[in-house]
Amino acid sequence: MTFLADRELRPVALAEANGLHADGLLLGRGASALEVVLTSAAEKPSVHTLREAWKARVGGRATPVLLSTGCE
């Protein structure tokens, strides 16, 4: 069984940088719910690339964001 396989991904806008591609978004429930952004990359992204993508998604909000990256 795949983790979160029973959940439907929502479209997500994420600035594509250095080969990082946004695959979808999962949202938790309630106010300030956890956001899980699923991404993919052809090769392992740098820490800088991941931090920039995370910062762009958080955008100064008080919302917990988890950026998950799978390499192809």
N, C-alpha and C. Protein backbone atom coordinates (compact mmCIF):
# COMPACT_ATOMS: atom_id res chain seq x y z
N MET A 1 0.84 -1.19 0.00
CA MET A 1 0.00 0.00 0.00
C MET A 1 0.88 1.24 0.00
N THR A 2 0.55 2.19 -0.84
CA THR A 2 1.30 3.43 -0.95
C THR A 2 0.76 4.45 0.04
N PHE A 3 1.66 5.18 0.67
CA PHE A 3 1.30 6.22 1.63
C PHE A 3 0.43 7.27 0.97
N LEU A 4 -0.70 7.59 1.55
CA LEU A 4 -1.67 8.59 1.08
C LEU A 4 -2.28 8.25 -0.28
N ALA A 5 -2.25 7.00 -0.68
CA ALA A 5 -2.77 6.60 -1.98
C ALA A 5 -4.28 6.81 -2.08
N ASP A 6 -4.97 6.83 -0.95
CA ASP A 6 -6.41 6.99 -0.96
C ASP A 6 -6.85 8.45 -1.01
N ARG A 7 -5.90 9.37 -1.02
CA ARG A 7 -6.21 10.80 -1.04
C ARG A 7 -6.10 11.36 -2.45
N GLU A 8 -6.97 12.30 -2.78
CA GLU A 8 -6.94 12.92 -4.11
C GLU A 8 -6.05 14.17 -4.07
N LEU A 9 -5.11 14.24 -5.00
CA LEU A 9 -4.22 15.39 -5.08
C LEU A 9 -4.93 16.58 -5.70
N ARG A 10 -4.68 17.75 -5.14
CA ARG A 10 -5.19 18.99 -5.69
C ARG A 10 -4.08 19.63 -6.53
N PRO A 11 -4.46 20.42 -7.51
CA PRO A 11 -3.43 21.15 -8.26
C PRO A 11 -2.74 22.15 -7.35
N VAL A 12 -1.49 22.42 -7.61
CA VAL A 12 -0.74 23.36 -6.78
C VAL A 12 0.16 24.22 -7.67
N ALA A 13 0.23 25.49 -7.34
CA ALA A 13 1.13 26.40 -8.05
C ALA A 13 2.41 26.50 -7.25
N LEU A 14 3.51 26.16 -7.87
CA LEU A 14 4.82 26.23 -7.23
C LEU A 14 5.81 26.62 -8.31
N ALA A 15 6.55 27.68 -8.05
CA ALA A 15 7.54 28.11 -9.03
C ALA A 15 8.52 26.98 -9.28
N GLU A 16 8.63 26.56 -10.53
CA GLU A 16 9.54 25.47 -10.86
C GLU A 16 10.95 26.01 -10.93
N ALA A 17 11.81 25.46 -10.12
CA ALA A 17 13.19 25.92 -10.06
C ALA A 17 14.14 24.74 -10.06
N ASN A 18 15.14 24.81 -10.88
CA ASN A 18 16.20 23.80 -10.90
C ASN A 18 15.68 22.37 -11.00
N GLY A 19 14.69 22.16 -11.86
CA GLY A 19 14.19 20.82 -12.12
C GLY A 19 13.17 20.29 -11.14
N LEU A 20 12.71 21.08 -10.20
CA LEU A 20 11.70 20.66 -9.23
C LEU A 20 10.32 20.90 -9.84
N HIS A 21 9.48 19.87 -9.87
CA HIS A 21 8.15 19.95 -10.48
C HIS A 21 7.09 19.62 -9.43
N ALA A 22 6.08 20.48 -9.32
CA ALA A 22 4.98 20.25 -8.37
C ALA A 22 4.01 19.23 -8.94
N ASP A 23 3.76 18.15 -8.19
CA ASP A 23 2.85 17.09 -8.63
C ASP A 23 1.45 17.23 -8.05
N GLY A 24 1.34 17.81 -6.87
CA GLY A 24 0.03 17.96 -6.27
C GLY A 24 0.10 18.41 -4.82
N LEU A 25 -1.06 18.69 -4.26
CA LEU A 25 -1.18 19.21 -2.90
C LEU A 25 -2.21 18.40 -2.13
N LEU A 26 -1.88 18.10 -0.90
CA LEU A 26 -2.81 17.48 0.04
C LEU A 26 -3.00 18.44 1.20
N LEU A 27 -4.24 18.66 1.61
CA LEU A 27 -4.54 19.57 2.71
C LEU A 27 -5.14 18.84 3.89
N GLY A 28 -4.70 19.23 5.07
CA GLY A 28 -5.29 18.70 6.29
C GLY A 28 -6.62 19.40 6.55
N ARG A 29 -7.18 19.16 7.71
CA ARG A 29 -8.47 19.75 8.06
C ARG A 29 -8.29 20.86 9.09
N GLY A 30 -9.21 21.82 9.06
CA GLY A 30 -9.23 22.87 10.07
C GLY A 30 -8.43 24.10 9.68
N ALA A 31 -8.45 25.06 10.60
CA ALA A 31 -7.71 26.30 10.39
C ALA A 31 -6.21 26.02 10.46
N SER A 32 -5.46 26.68 9.64
CA SER A 32 -4.00 26.50 9.58
C SER A 32 -3.62 25.03 9.44
N ALA A 33 -4.32 24.33 8.56
CA ALA A 33 -4.10 22.89 8.35
C ALA A 33 -2.75 22.64 7.69
N LEU A 34 -2.21 21.48 7.95
CA LEU A 34 -0.96 21.05 7.32
C LEU A 34 -1.16 20.96 5.81
N GLU A 35 -0.19 21.48 5.06
CA GLU A 35 -0.17 21.36 3.61
C GLU A 35 0.98 20.44 3.24
N VAL A 36 0.70 19.43 2.45
CA VAL A 36 1.74 18.53 1.96
C VAL A 36 1.85 18.75 0.46
N VAL A 37 2.99 19.26 0.01
CA VAL A 37 3.22 19.51 -1.40
C VAL A 37 4.12 18.39 -1.92
N LEU A 38 3.59 17.61 -2.85
CA LEU A 38 4.35 16.52 -3.44
C LEU A 38 5.03 17.02 -4.70
N THR A 39 6.33 16.76 -4.80
CA THR A 39 7.10 17.21 -5.95
C THR A 39 7.91 16.04 -6.50
N SER A 40 8.43 16.24 -7.69
CA SER A 40 9.33 15.25 -8.28
C SER A 40 10.49 15.98 -8.94
N ALA A 41 11.56 15.26 -9.15
CA ALA A 41 12.75 15.82 -9.79
C ALA A 41 13.51 14.69 -10.48
N ALA A 42 14.15 15.02 -11.57
CA ALA A 42 14.93 14.02 -12.32
C ALA A 42 16.14 13.57 -11.51
N GLU A 43 16.69 14.49 -10.71
CA GLU A 43 17.82 14.14 -9.84
C GLU A 43 17.62 14.84 -8.50
N LYS A 44 18.40 14.44 -7.53
CA LYS A 44 18.24 14.98 -6.19
C LYS A 44 18.44 16.50 -6.18
N PRO A 45 17.41 17.25 -5.72
CA PRO A 45 17.54 18.71 -5.69
C PRO A 45 18.45 19.15 -4.54
N SER A 46 19.04 20.32 -4.71
CA SER A 46 19.92 20.86 -3.66
C SER A 46 19.08 21.34 -2.48
N VAL A 47 19.71 21.50 -1.35
CA VAL A 47 19.04 22.03 -0.16
C VAL A 47 18.53 23.44 -0.46
N HIS A 48 19.31 24.22 -1.17
CA HIS A 48 18.90 25.59 -1.53
C HIS A 48 17.61 25.58 -2.35
N THR A 49 17.53 24.70 -3.34
CA THR A 49 16.33 24.59 -4.17
C THR A 49 15.11 24.23 -3.33
N LEU A 50 15.25 23.28 -2.43
CA LEU A 50 14.14 22.87 -1.56
C LEU A 50 13.71 24.01 -0.64
N ARG A 51 14.68 24.71 -0.06
CA ARG A 51 14.35 25.83 0.83
C ARG A 51 13.61 26.94 0.08
N GLU A 52 14.05 27.25 -1.12
CA GLU A 52 13.40 28.30 -1.90
C GLU A 52 11.97 27.91 -2.26
N ALA A 53 11.75 26.66 -2.64
CA ALA A 53 10.41 26.18 -2.97
C ALA A 53 9.51 26.21 -1.73
N TRP A 54 10.06 25.80 -0.59
CA TRP A 54 9.30 25.81 0.67
C TRP A 54 8.92 27.23 1.06
N LYS A 55 9.89 28.15 1.01
CA LYS A 55 9.63 29.55 1.35
C LYS A 55 8.57 30.16 0.45
N ALA A 56 8.64 29.84 -0.84
CA ALA A 56 7.66 30.37 -1.79
C ALA A 56 6.26 29.86 -1.46
N ARG A 57 6.13 28.61 -1.06
CA ARG A 57 4.82 28.04 -0.73
C ARG A 57 4.28 28.61 0.58
N VAL A 58 5.12 28.73 1.59
CA VAL A 58 4.68 29.26 2.89
C VAL A 58 4.26 30.72 2.73
N GLY A 59 5.06 31.49 2.03
CA GLY A 59 4.71 32.88 1.75
C GLY A 59 4.42 33.73 2.96
N GLY A 60 5.09 33.48 4.07
CA GLY A 60 4.90 34.30 5.27
C GLY A 60 3.67 33.94 6.10
N ARG A 61 2.94 32.90 5.70
CA ARG A 61 1.75 32.49 6.46
C ARG A 61 2.15 31.66 7.66
N ALA A 62 1.26 31.54 8.62
CA ALA A 62 1.49 30.71 9.79
C ALA A 62 0.90 29.31 9.56
N THR A 63 1.20 28.75 8.41
CA THR A 63 0.67 27.45 8.02
C THR A 63 1.81 26.44 7.93
N PRO A 64 1.67 25.27 8.55
CA PRO A 64 2.72 24.26 8.43
C PRO A 64 2.72 23.65 7.02
N VAL A 65 3.88 23.62 6.39
CA VAL A 65 4.02 23.10 5.03
C VAL A 65 5.10 22.03 5.03
N LEU A 66 4.77 20.88 4.47
CA LEU A 66 5.73 19.81 4.27
C LEU A 66 5.95 19.67 2.77
N LEU A 67 7.18 19.80 2.34
CA LEU A 67 7.53 19.66 0.93
C LEU A 67 8.20 18.31 0.77
N SER A 68 7.55 17.42 0.04
CA SER A 68 8.05 16.05 -0.16
C SER A 68 8.54 15.89 -1.58
N THR A 69 9.78 15.41 -1.73
CA THR A 69 10.37 15.26 -3.05
C THR A 69 10.77 13.83 -3.32
N GLY A 70 10.29 13.31 -4.45
CA GLY A 70 10.72 12.01 -4.93
C GLY A 70 11.56 12.21 -6.17
N CYS A 71 12.66 11.52 -6.28
CA CYS A 71 13.50 11.63 -7.46
C CYS A 71 13.15 10.50 -8.41
N GLU A 72 13.07 10.82 -9.70
CA GLU A 72 12.73 9.82 -10.70
C GLU A 72 13.92 8.97 -11.02
